[in-house]
All heavy atoms as atom14 arrays in JSON, in Angstrom:
{
  "sequence": "LLDTNYNLVTNHWDNREDYKGSTYLLQPFIQWQYKPTDDLTFNAGI",
  "atom14_mask": [
    [1, 1, 1, 1, 1, 1, 1, 1, 0, 0, 0, 0, 0, 0],
    [1, 1, 1, 1, 1, 1, 1, 1, 0, 0, 0, 0, 0, 0],
    [1, 1, 1, 1, 1, 1, 1, 1, 0, 0, 0, 0, 0, 0],
    [1, 1, 1, 1, 1, 1, 1, 0, 0, 0, 0, 0, 0, 0],
    [1, 1, 1, 1, 1, 1, 1, 1, 0, 0, 0, 0, 0, 0],
    [1, 1, 1, 1, 1, 1, 1, 1, 1, 1, 1, 1, 0, 0],
    [1, 1, 1, 1, 1, 1, 1, 1, 0, 0, 0, 0, 0, 0],
    [1, 1, 1, 1, 1, 1, 1, 1, 0, 0, 0, 0, 0, 0],
    [1, 1, 1, 1, 1, 1, 1, 0, 0, 0, 0, 0, 0, 0],
    [1, 1, 1, 1, 1, 1, 1, 0, 0, 0, 0, 0, 0, 0],
    [1, 1, 1, 1, 1, 1, 1, 1, 0, 0, 0, 0, 0, 0],
    [1, 1, 1, 1, 1, 1, 1, 1, 1, 1, 0, 0, 0, 0],
    [1, 1, 1, 1, 1, 1, 1, 1, 1, 1, 1, 1, 1, 1],
    [1, 1, 1, 1, 1, 1, 1, 1, 0, 0, 0, 0, 0, 0],
    [1, 1, 1, 1, 1, 1, 1, 1, 0, 0, 0, 0, 0, 0],
    [1, 1, 1, 1, 1, 1, 1, 1, 1, 1, 1, 0, 0, 0],
    [1, 1, 1, 1, 1, 1, 1, 1, 1, 0, 0, 0, 0, 0],
    [1, 1, 1, 1, 1, 1, 1, 1, 0, 0, 0, 0, 0, 0],
    [1, 1, 1, 1, 1, 1, 1, 1, 1, 1, 1, 1, 0, 0],
    [1, 1, 1, 1, 1, 1, 1, 1, 1, 0, 0, 0, 0, 0],
    [1, 1, 1, 1, 0, 0, 0, 0, 0, 0, 0, 0, 0, 0],
    [1, 1, 1, 1, 1, 1, 0, 0, 0, 0, 0, 0, 0, 0],
    [1, 1, 1, 1, 1, 1, 1, 0, 0, 0, 0, 0, 0, 0],
    [1, 1, 1, 1, 1, 1, 1, 1, 1, 1, 1, 1, 0, 0],
    [1, 1, 1, 1, 1, 1, 1, 1, 0, 0, 0, 0, 0, 0],
    [1, 1, 1, 1, 1, 1, 1, 1, 0, 0, 0, 0, 0, 0],
    [1, 1, 1, 1, 1, 1, 1, 1, 1, 0, 0, 0, 0, 0],
    [1, 1, 1, 1, 1, 1, 1, 0, 0, 0, 0, 0, 0, 0],
    [1, 1, 1, 1, 1, 1, 1, 1, 1, 1, 1, 0, 0, 0],
    [1, 1, 1, 1, 1, 1, 1, 1, 0, 0, 0, 0, 0, 0],
    [1, 1, 1, 1, 1, 1, 1, 1, 1, 0, 0, 0, 0, 0],
    [1, 1, 1, 1, 1, 1, 1, 1, 1, 1, 1, 1, 1, 1],
    [1, 1, 1, 1, 1, 1, 1, 1, 1, 0, 0, 0, 0, 0],
    [1, 1, 1, 1, 1, 1, 1, 1, 1, 1, 1, 1, 0, 0],
    [1, 1, 1, 1, 1, 1, 1, 1, 1, 0, 0, 0, 0, 0],
    [1, 1, 1, 1, 1, 1, 1, 0, 0, 0, 0, 0, 0, 0],
    [1, 1, 1, 1, 1, 1, 1, 0, 0, 0, 0, 0, 0, 0],
    [1, 1, 1, 1, 1, 1, 1, 1, 0, 0, 0, 0, 0, 0],
    [1, 1, 1, 1, 1, 1, 1, 1, 0, 0, 0, 0, 0, 0],
    [1, 1, 1, 1, 1, 1, 1, 1, 0, 0, 0, 0, 0, 0],
    [1, 1, 1, 1, 1, 1, 1, 0, 0, 0, 0, 0, 0, 0],
    [1, 1, 1, 1, 1, 1, 1, 1, 1, 1, 1, 0, 0, 0],
    [1, 1, 1, 1, 1, 1, 1, 1, 0, 0, 0, 0, 0, 0],
    [1, 1, 1, 1, 1, 0, 0, 0, 0, 0, 0, 0, 0, 0],
    [1, 1, 1, 1, 0, 0, 0, 0, 0, 0, 0, 0, 0, 0],
    [1, 1, 1, 1, 1, 1, 1, 1, 0, 0, 0, 0, 0, 0]
  ],
  "atom14_positions": [
    [[1.74, -15.42, -3.15], [0.95, -14.99, -4.3], [1.29, -15.96, -5.49], [2.56, -15.95, -6.0], [1.31, -13.48, -4.72], [1.32, -12.56, -3.53], [1.76, -11.11, -4.1], [-0.08, -12.43, -2.87], [0.0, 0.0, 0.0], [0.0, 0.0, 0.0], [0.0, 0.0, 0.0], [0.0, 0.0, 0.0], [0.0, 0.0, 0.0], [0.0, 0.0, 0.0]],
    [[0.31, -16.61, -6.06], [0.55, -17.33, -7.2], [-0.58, -17.25, -8.16], [-1.83, -17.37, -7.85], [0.56, -18.93, -6.84], [0.76, -19.96, -7.86], [2.1, -19.76, -8.62], [0.58, -21.39, -7.41], [0.0, 0.0, 0.0], [0.0, 0.0, 0.0], [0.0, 0.0, 0.0], [0.0, 0.0, 0.0], [0.0, 0.0, 0.0], [0.0, 0.0, 0.0]],
    [[-0.23, -16.94, -9.38], [-1.14, -16.78, -10.49], [-0.72, -17.46, -11.85], [0.41, -17.13, -12.33], [-1.26, -15.18, -10.82], [-2.44, -14.89, -11.82], [-3.06, -15.91, -12.32], [-2.67, -13.78, -12.2], [0.0, 0.0, 0.0], [0.0, 0.0, 0.0], [0.0, 0.0, 0.0], [0.0, 0.0, 0.0], [0.0, 0.0, 0.0], [0.0, 0.0, 0.0]],
    [[-1.38, -18.4, -12.16], [-0.93, -19.36, -13.34], [-1.97, -19.34, -14.48], [-3.23, -19.17, -14.13], [-0.71, -20.77, -12.91], [-1.82, -21.34, -12.39], [0.54, -20.85, -11.85], [0.0, 0.0, 0.0], [0.0, 0.0, 0.0], [0.0, 0.0, 0.0], [0.0, 0.0, 0.0], [0.0, 0.0, 0.0], [0.0, 0.0, 0.0], [0.0, 0.0, 0.0]],
    [[-1.6, -19.39, -15.77], [-2.52, -19.36, -16.83], [-1.87, -20.49, -17.87], [-0.85, -20.56, -18.15], [-2.57, -18.06, -17.43], [-3.47, -18.0, -18.58], [-4.74, -18.21, -18.49], [-3.01, -17.68, -19.73], [0.0, 0.0, 0.0], [0.0, 0.0, 0.0], [0.0, 0.0, 0.0], [0.0, 0.0, 0.0], [0.0, 0.0, 0.0], [0.0, 0.0, 0.0]],
    [[-2.81, -21.24, -18.32], [-2.44, -22.18, -19.37], [-2.55, -21.69, -20.69], [-3.43, -21.17, -21.19], [-3.4, -23.42, -19.34], [-2.98, -24.68, -20.18], [-2.04, -25.57, -19.68], [-3.47, -25.0, -21.34], [-1.43, -26.61, -20.4], [-3.03, -25.95, -22.15], [-2.08, -26.91, -21.6], [-1.68, -27.85, -22.34], [0.0, 0.0, 0.0], [0.0, 0.0, 0.0]],
    [[-1.26, -21.66, -21.37], [-1.06, -21.15, -22.69], [-1.46, -22.12, -23.79], [-0.84, -23.2, -23.89], [0.32, -20.72, -22.97], [0.57, -19.89, -24.13], [-0.02, -20.09, -25.24], [1.44, -18.86, -24.02], [0.0, 0.0, 0.0], [0.0, 0.0, 0.0], [0.0, 0.0, 0.0], [0.0, 0.0, 0.0], [0.0, 0.0, 0.0], [0.0, 0.0, 0.0]],
    [[-2.61, -21.99, -24.38], [-3.17, -22.84, -25.38], [-2.35, -22.92, -26.71], [-2.52, -23.89, -27.48], [-4.65, -22.41, -25.77], [-5.62, -22.46, -24.65], [-6.95, -21.94, -25.09], [-5.77, -23.82, -24.04], [0.0, 0.0, 0.0], [0.0, 0.0, 0.0], [0.0, 0.0, 0.0], [0.0, 0.0, 0.0], [0.0, 0.0, 0.0], [0.0, 0.0, 0.0]],
    [[-1.52, -21.99, -26.88], [-0.58, -22.06, -28.12], [0.6, -22.96, -27.86], [0.98, -23.92, -28.55], [-0.11, -20.59, -28.49], [0.87, -20.62, -29.65], [-1.3, -19.71, -28.77], [0.0, 0.0, 0.0], [0.0, 0.0, 0.0], [0.0, 0.0, 0.0], [0.0, 0.0, 0.0], [0.0, 0.0, 0.0], [0.0, 0.0, 0.0], [0.0, 0.0, 0.0]],
    [[1.27, -22.72, -26.59], [2.4, -23.56, -26.21], [2.21, -24.79, -25.59], [3.03, -25.66, -25.3], [3.5, -22.83, -25.45], [2.78, -22.23, -24.2], [3.83, -21.49, -26.27], [0.0, 0.0, 0.0], [0.0, 0.0, 0.0], [0.0, 0.0, 0.0], [0.0, 0.0, 0.0], [0.0, 0.0, 0.0], [0.0, 0.0, 0.0], [0.0, 0.0, 0.0]],
    [[0.86, -24.81, -24.98], [0.41, -26.08, -24.27], [1.31, -26.09, -22.91], [1.71, -27.28, -22.51], [0.5, -27.34, -25.03], [-0.54, -27.3, -26.15], [-1.76, -26.85, -25.88], [-0.16, -27.86, -27.24], [0.0, 0.0, 0.0], [0.0, 0.0, 0.0], [0.0, 0.0, 0.0], [0.0, 0.0, 0.0], [0.0, 0.0, 0.0], [0.0, 0.0, 0.0]],
    [[1.64, -25.0, -22.35], [2.38, -25.03, -21.06], [1.69, -23.92, -20.11], [1.07, -23.04, -20.47], [3.78, -24.66, -21.36], [4.68, -25.69, -21.95], [4.78, -25.81, -23.24], [5.36, -26.73, -21.38], [5.62, -26.83, -23.47], [5.89, -27.41, -22.43], [0.0, 0.0, 0.0], [0.0, 0.0, 0.0], [0.0, 0.0, 0.0], [0.0, 0.0, 0.0]],
    [[1.99, -24.25, -18.74], [1.54, -23.36, -17.69], [2.49, -22.23, -17.63], [3.7, -22.42, -17.53], [1.44, -23.95, -16.39], [0.06, -24.89, -16.38], [0.15, -26.24, -16.69], [-1.19, -24.46, -15.95], [-1.19, -26.75, -16.47], [-1.93, -25.69, -16.16], [-1.75, -23.37, -15.66], [-3.42, -25.65, -15.82], [-3.09, -23.31, -15.33], [-3.89, -24.47, -15.42]],
    [[2.07, -20.96, -17.63], [2.72, -19.77, -17.48], [2.47, -19.19, -16.11], [1.23, -18.85, -15.72], [2.46, -18.68, -18.47], [2.94, -19.17, -19.84], [3.81, -20.06, -20.02], [2.22, -18.79, -20.91], [0.0, 0.0, 0.0], [0.0, 0.0, 0.0], [0.0, 0.0, 0.0], [0.0, 0.0, 0.0], [0.0, 0.0, 0.0], [0.0, 0.0, 0.0]],
    [[3.55, -18.9, -15.28], [3.28, -18.2, -14.06], [3.38, -16.71, -14.21], [4.44, -16.15, -14.41], [4.51, -18.65, -13.02], [4.31, -20.07, -12.53], [3.16, -20.65, -12.59], [5.23, -20.53, -11.81], [0.0, 0.0, 0.0], [0.0, 0.0, 0.0], [0.0, 0.0, 0.0], [0.0, 0.0, 0.0], [0.0, 0.0, 0.0], [0.0, 0.0, 0.0]],
    [[2.22, -16.06, -14.17], [2.27, -14.62, -14.26], [2.64, -14.03, -12.93], [3.05, -12.8, -13.14], [0.79, -14.19, -14.72], [0.33, -14.77, -16.03], [-1.0, -14.21, -16.47], [-2.14, -14.76, -15.7], [-3.42, -14.47, -15.8], [-3.89, -13.83, -16.8], [-4.26, -15.15, -15.05], [0.0, 0.0, 0.0], [0.0, 0.0, 0.0], [0.0, 0.0, 0.0]],
    [[2.56, -14.74, -11.88], [3.01, -14.24, -10.57], [3.31, -15.22, -9.68], [2.48, -16.22, -9.63], [1.97, -13.16, -10.02], [2.5, -12.24, -8.81], [1.51, -11.28, -8.29], [0.52, -11.07, -9.01], [1.96, -10.52, -7.37], [0.0, 0.0, 0.0], [0.0, 0.0, 0.0], [0.0, 0.0, 0.0], [0.0, 0.0, 0.0], [0.0, 0.0, 0.0]],
    [[4.45, -15.2, -9.1], [4.73, -16.24, -8.2], [5.77, -15.74, -7.08], [7.04, -15.45, -7.46], [5.58, -17.43, -8.9], [5.75, -18.66, -8.04], [5.39, -18.44, -6.82], [6.27, -19.66, -8.54], [0.0, 0.0, 0.0], [0.0, 0.0, 0.0], [0.0, 0.0, 0.0], [0.0, 0.0, 0.0], [0.0, 0.0, 0.0], [0.0, 0.0, 0.0]],
    [[5.26, -15.42, -6.05], [6.07, -14.64, -4.96], [5.65, -15.29, -3.5], [4.5, -15.48, -3.29], [5.94, -13.16, -5.05], [6.6, -12.45, -3.81], [7.85, -12.16, -3.86], [5.88, -12.16, -2.76], [8.58, -11.55, -2.87], [6.5, -11.44, -1.72], [7.9, -11.18, -1.78], [8.49, -10.5, -0.71], [0.0, 0.0, 0.0], [0.0, 0.0, 0.0]],
    [[6.72, -15.35, -2.71], [6.42, -15.93, -1.35], [7.55, -15.24, -0.53], [8.75, -15.32, -0.73], [6.48, -17.39, -1.2], [6.12, -17.84, 0.18], [6.08, -19.31, 0.24], [5.55, -19.83, 1.58], [5.46, -21.25, 1.68], [0.0, 0.0, 0.0], [0.0, 0.0, 0.0], [0.0, 0.0, 0.0], [0.0, 0.0, 0.0], [0.0, 0.0, 0.0]],
    [[7.06, -14.3, 0.47], [8.09, -13.66, 1.28], [7.32, -12.71, 2.27], [6.15, -12.68, 2.39], [0.0, 0.0, 0.0], [0.0, 0.0, 0.0], [0.0, 0.0, 0.0], [0.0, 0.0, 0.0], [0.0, 0.0, 0.0], [0.0, 0.0, 0.0], [0.0, 0.0, 0.0], [0.0, 0.0, 0.0], [0.0, 0.0, 0.0], [0.0, 0.0, 0.0]],
    [[8.16, -11.92, 2.88], [7.61, -11.08, 3.95], [8.3, -9.72, 3.83], [9.34, -9.53, 3.43], [7.82, -11.59, 5.35], [9.12, -11.7, 5.63], [0.0, 0.0, 0.0], [0.0, 0.0, 0.0], [0.0, 0.0, 0.0], [0.0, 0.0, 0.0], [0.0, 0.0, 0.0], [0.0, 0.0, 0.0], [0.0, 0.0, 0.0], [0.0, 0.0, 0.0]],
    [[7.63, -8.67, 4.31], [8.14, -7.33, 4.27], [7.39, -6.56, 5.37], [6.35, -7.02, 5.9], [7.91, -6.64, 2.92], [8.58, -5.35, 3.0], [6.54, -6.57, 2.55], [0.0, 0.0, 0.0], [0.0, 0.0, 0.0], [0.0, 0.0, 0.0], [0.0, 0.0, 0.0], [0.0, 0.0, 0.0], [0.0, 0.0, 0.0], [0.0, 0.0, 0.0]],
    [[7.81, -5.38, 5.6], [7.11, -4.45, 6.69], [6.97, -3.02, 6.14], [7.82, -2.46, 5.3], [7.79, -4.65, 8.02], [9.21, -4.13, 7.98], [9.51, -2.68, 8.15], [10.26, -5.06, 7.91], [10.8, -2.35, 8.31], [11.54, -4.56, 8.09], [11.82, -3.3, 8.3], [13.1, -2.79, 8.3], [0.0, 0.0, 0.0], [0.0, 0.0, 0.0]],
    [[6.02, -2.39, 6.66], [5.86, -0.98, 6.33], [5.62, -0.25, 7.68], [4.83, -0.54, 8.49], [4.36, -0.87, 5.57], [3.92, 0.51, 5.27], [4.92, 1.29, 4.3], [2.44, 0.44, 4.61], [0.0, 0.0, 0.0], [0.0, 0.0, 0.0], [0.0, 0.0, 0.0], [0.0, 0.0, 0.0], [0.0, 0.0, 0.0], [0.0, 0.0, 0.0]],
    [[6.35, 0.86, 7.78], [6.35, 1.65, 9.01], [5.79, 3.07, 8.62], [6.22, 3.71, 7.62], [7.78, 1.92, 9.56], [8.5, 0.61, 10.07], [9.81, 0.95, 10.54], [7.61, -0.11, 11.05], [0.0, 0.0, 0.0], [0.0, 0.0, 0.0], [0.0, 0.0, 0.0], [0.0, 0.0, 0.0], [0.0, 0.0, 0.0], [0.0, 0.0, 0.0]],
    [[4.93, 3.68, 9.42], [4.26, 4.97, 9.18], [4.25, 5.78, 10.49], [3.33, 5.74, 11.21], [2.83, 4.82, 8.58], [2.75, 4.02, 7.33], [1.35, 3.82, 6.84], [0.84, 4.77, 6.28], [0.72, 2.67, 7.13], [0.0, 0.0, 0.0], [0.0, 0.0, 0.0], [0.0, 0.0, 0.0], [0.0, 0.0, 0.0], [0.0, 0.0, 0.0]],
    [[5.27, 6.48, 10.79], [5.26, 7.39, 12.05], [4.64, 8.74, 11.64], [4.69, 9.06, 10.36], [6.76, 7.69, 12.31], [7.37, 7.4, 11.03], [6.65, 6.36, 10.24], [0.0, 0.0, 0.0], [0.0, 0.0, 0.0], [0.0, 0.0, 0.0], [0.0, 0.0, 0.0], [0.0, 0.0, 0.0], [0.0, 0.0, 0.0], [0.0, 0.0, 0.0]],
    [[4.04, 9.43, 12.54], [3.42, 10.8, 12.22], [3.47, 11.61, 13.53], [3.53, 11.08, 14.69], [2.0, 10.61, 11.67], [1.03, 10.16, 12.86], [0.27, 11.08, 13.54], [0.85, 8.94, 13.15], [-0.58, 10.67, 14.54], [-0.04, 8.3, 14.05], [-0.73, 9.39, 14.88], [0.0, 0.0, 0.0], [0.0, 0.0, 0.0], [0.0, 0.0, 0.0]],
    [[3.24, 12.8, 13.29], [3.08, 13.8, 14.34], [2.13, 15.01, 13.8], [2.41, 15.46, 12.69], [4.26, 14.4, 15.04], [4.02, 15.31, 16.11], [5.27, 15.01, 13.85], [5.28, 15.78, 16.91], [0.0, 0.0, 0.0], [0.0, 0.0, 0.0], [0.0, 0.0, 0.0], [0.0, 0.0, 0.0], [0.0, 0.0, 0.0], [0.0, 0.0, 0.0]],
    [[1.19, 15.49, 14.53], [0.33, 16.52, 14.09], [-0.02, 17.54, 15.27], [-0.07, 17.1, 16.33], [-0.9, 15.98, 13.39], [-1.7, 14.94, 14.27], [-2.68, 14.18, 13.48], [-2.59, 14.07, 12.26], [-3.83, 13.79, 14.13], [0.0, 0.0, 0.0], [0.0, 0.0, 0.0], [0.0, 0.0, 0.0], [0.0, 0.0, 0.0], [0.0, 0.0, 0.0]],
    [[-0.29, 18.77, 14.8], [-0.48, 19.8, 15.85], [-1.67, 20.48, 15.38], [-1.95, 20.82, 14.18], [0.72, 20.79, 15.89], [0.61, 21.71, 17.05], [-0.14, 22.8, 17.12], [1.21, 21.57, 18.28], [0.12, 23.59, 18.24], [0.8, 22.75, 19.02], [2.11, 20.72, 19.01], [1.2, 22.96, 20.35], [2.52, 20.91, 20.18], [2.08, 22.05, 20.96]],
    [[-2.45, 20.97, 16.27], [-3.7, 21.71, 16.11], [-3.69, 22.97, 16.94], [-3.52, 22.91, 18.09], [-4.98, 20.93, 16.27], [-6.23, 21.75, 15.86], [-7.47, 20.87, 16.09], [-8.08, 20.82, 17.23], [-8.01, 20.24, 15.01], [0.0, 0.0, 0.0], [0.0, 0.0, 0.0], [0.0, 0.0, 0.0], [0.0, 0.0, 0.0], [0.0, 0.0, 0.0]],
    [[-3.99, 24.1, 16.25], [-4.06, 25.47, 16.95], [-5.45, 26.06, 16.7], [-5.73, 26.2, 15.41], [-2.96, 26.4, 16.6], [-2.98, 27.74, 17.14], [-2.99, 27.9, 18.62], [-3.09, 28.86, 16.35], [-3.22, 29.18, 19.1], [-3.19, 30.21, 16.86], [-3.18, 30.31, 18.28], [-3.33, 31.47, 18.83], [0.0, 0.0, 0.0], [0.0, 0.0, 0.0]],
    [[-6.21, 26.41, 17.71], [-7.41, 27.04, 17.58], [-7.48, 28.38, 18.23], [-7.76, 28.52, 19.34], [-8.6, 26.2, 18.08], [-8.64, 24.72, 17.4], [-9.68, 23.95, 17.99], [-11.1, 24.57, 17.67], [-12.25, 23.65, 18.19], [0.0, 0.0, 0.0], [0.0, 0.0, 0.0], [0.0, 0.0, 0.0], [0.0, 0.0, 0.0], [0.0, 0.0, 0.0]],
    [[-7.19, 29.51, 17.43], [-7.26, 30.75, 18.12], [-8.66, 31.19, 18.48], [-8.9, 31.79, 19.48], [-6.76, 31.75, 17.06], [-6.89, 30.94, 15.7], [-6.74, 29.58, 16.07], [0.0, 0.0, 0.0], [0.0, 0.0, 0.0], [0.0, 0.0, 0.0], [0.0, 0.0, 0.0], [0.0, 0.0, 0.0], [0.0, 0.0, 0.0], [0.0, 0.0, 0.0]],
    [[-9.73, 30.81, 17.72], [-11.07, 30.88, 18.06], [-11.85, 29.62, 17.8], [-11.3, 28.67, 17.15], [-11.77, 32.14, 17.32], [-11.81, 31.65, 15.88], [-10.82, 33.31, 17.49], [0.0, 0.0, 0.0], [0.0, 0.0, 0.0], [0.0, 0.0, 0.0], [0.0, 0.0, 0.0], [0.0, 0.0, 0.0], [0.0, 0.0, 0.0], [0.0, 0.0, 0.0]],
    [[-13.14, 29.56, 18.2], [-13.93, 28.42, 17.75], [-14.26, 28.36, 16.31], [-14.55, 27.19, 15.82], [-15.28, 28.44, 18.61], [-15.18, 28.11, 19.93], [-14.3, 27.36, 20.33], [-16.05, 28.57, 20.76], [0.0, 0.0, 0.0], [0.0, 0.0, 0.0], [0.0, 0.0, 0.0], [0.0, 0.0, 0.0], [0.0, 0.0, 0.0], [0.0, 0.0, 0.0]],
    [[-13.97, 29.39, 15.47], [-14.4, 29.4, 14.15], [-13.05, 29.33, 13.3], [-13.18, 29.26, 12.03], [-15.2, 30.73, 13.73], [-16.58, 30.72, 14.43], [-17.06, 29.66, 14.68], [-17.0, 31.78, 14.88], [0.0, 0.0, 0.0], [0.0, 0.0, 0.0], [0.0, 0.0, 0.0], [0.0, 0.0, 0.0], [0.0, 0.0, 0.0], [0.0, 0.0, 0.0]],
    [[-11.91, 29.26, 13.8], [-10.6, 29.25, 13.05], [-9.66, 28.14, 13.66], [-9.33, 28.22, 14.86], [-9.99, 30.69, 13.06], [-8.73, 30.74, 12.23], [-9.05, 30.57, 10.67], [-8.12, 32.21, 12.37], [0.0, 0.0, 0.0], [0.0, 0.0, 0.0], [0.0, 0.0, 0.0], [0.0, 0.0, 0.0], [0.0, 0.0, 0.0], [0.0, 0.0, 0.0]],
    [[-9.23, 27.35, 12.76], [-8.45, 26.15, 13.17], [-7.26, 26.02, 12.21], [-7.41, 25.94, 11.04], [-9.27, 24.91, 13.29], [-10.38, 24.96, 14.12], [-8.38, 23.73, 13.69], [0.0, 0.0, 0.0], [0.0, 0.0, 0.0], [0.0, 0.0, 0.0], [0.0, 0.0, 0.0], [0.0, 0.0, 0.0], [0.0, 0.0, 0.0], [0.0, 0.0, 0.0]],
    [[-6.11, 25.87, 12.74], [-4.92, 25.58, 11.94], [-4.41, 24.2, 12.23], [-4.22, 23.81, 13.45], [-3.78, 26.56, 12.36], [-4.03, 28.0, 11.81], [-4.65, 28.99, 12.67], [-3.85, 28.38, 10.54], [-4.83, 30.19, 12.39], [-4.05, 29.66, 10.18], [-4.65, 30.56, 11.08], [0.0, 0.0, 0.0], [0.0, 0.0, 0.0], [0.0, 0.0, 0.0]],
    [[-4.2, 23.39, 11.22], [-3.65, 21.93, 11.4], [-2.36, 21.89, 10.68], [-2.22, 22.31, 9.5], [-4.66, 21.06, 10.88], [-5.73, 20.69, 11.76], [-5.66, 20.69, 12.98], [-7.04, 20.48, 11.27], [0.0, 0.0, 0.0], [0.0, 0.0, 0.0], [0.0, 0.0, 0.0], [0.0, 0.0, 0.0], [0.0, 0.0, 0.0], [0.0, 0.0, 0.0]],
    [[-1.29, 21.28, 11.33], [-0.11, 20.89, 10.68], [0.32, 19.67, 11.12], [0.09, 19.16, 12.19], [0.92, 22.06, 11.07], [0.0, 0.0, 0.0], [0.0, 0.0, 0.0], [0.0, 0.0, 0.0], [0.0, 0.0, 0.0], [0.0, 0.0, 0.0], [0.0, 0.0, 0.0], [0.0, 0.0, 0.0], [0.0, 0.0, 0.0], [0.0, 0.0, 0.0]],
    [[1.02, 18.9, 10.16], [1.46, 17.56, 10.48], [2.47, 16.95, 9.56], [2.66, 17.52, 8.42], [0.0, 0.0, 0.0], [0.0, 0.0, 0.0], [0.0, 0.0, 0.0], [0.0, 0.0, 0.0], [0.0, 0.0, 0.0], [0.0, 0.0, 0.0], [0.0, 0.0, 0.0], [0.0, 0.0, 0.0], [0.0, 0.0, 0.0], [0.0, 0.0, 0.0]],
    [[3.24, 16.0, 9.95], [4.2, 15.23, 9.12], [3.83, 13.84, 9.17], [3.75, 13.27, 10.32], [5.59, 15.57, 9.64], [5.96, 17.15, 9.39], [6.63, 14.73, 8.68], [7.29, 17.36, 10.02], [0.0, 0.0, 0.0], [0.0, 0.0, 0.0], [0.0, 0.0, 0.0], [0.0, 0.0, 0.0], [0.0, 0.0, 0.0], [0.0, 0.0, 0.0]]
  ]
}
């Protein structure tokens, strides 16, 4: 990610954002459904 802007007051380039790297996101889940009848449903999950 690189975002640069030329400052007309200071006559220099400003890096508003400068990042290079890696990371990860983990998303585990579990969910349960119980239907006592066709018209009534219970859902629970984490």
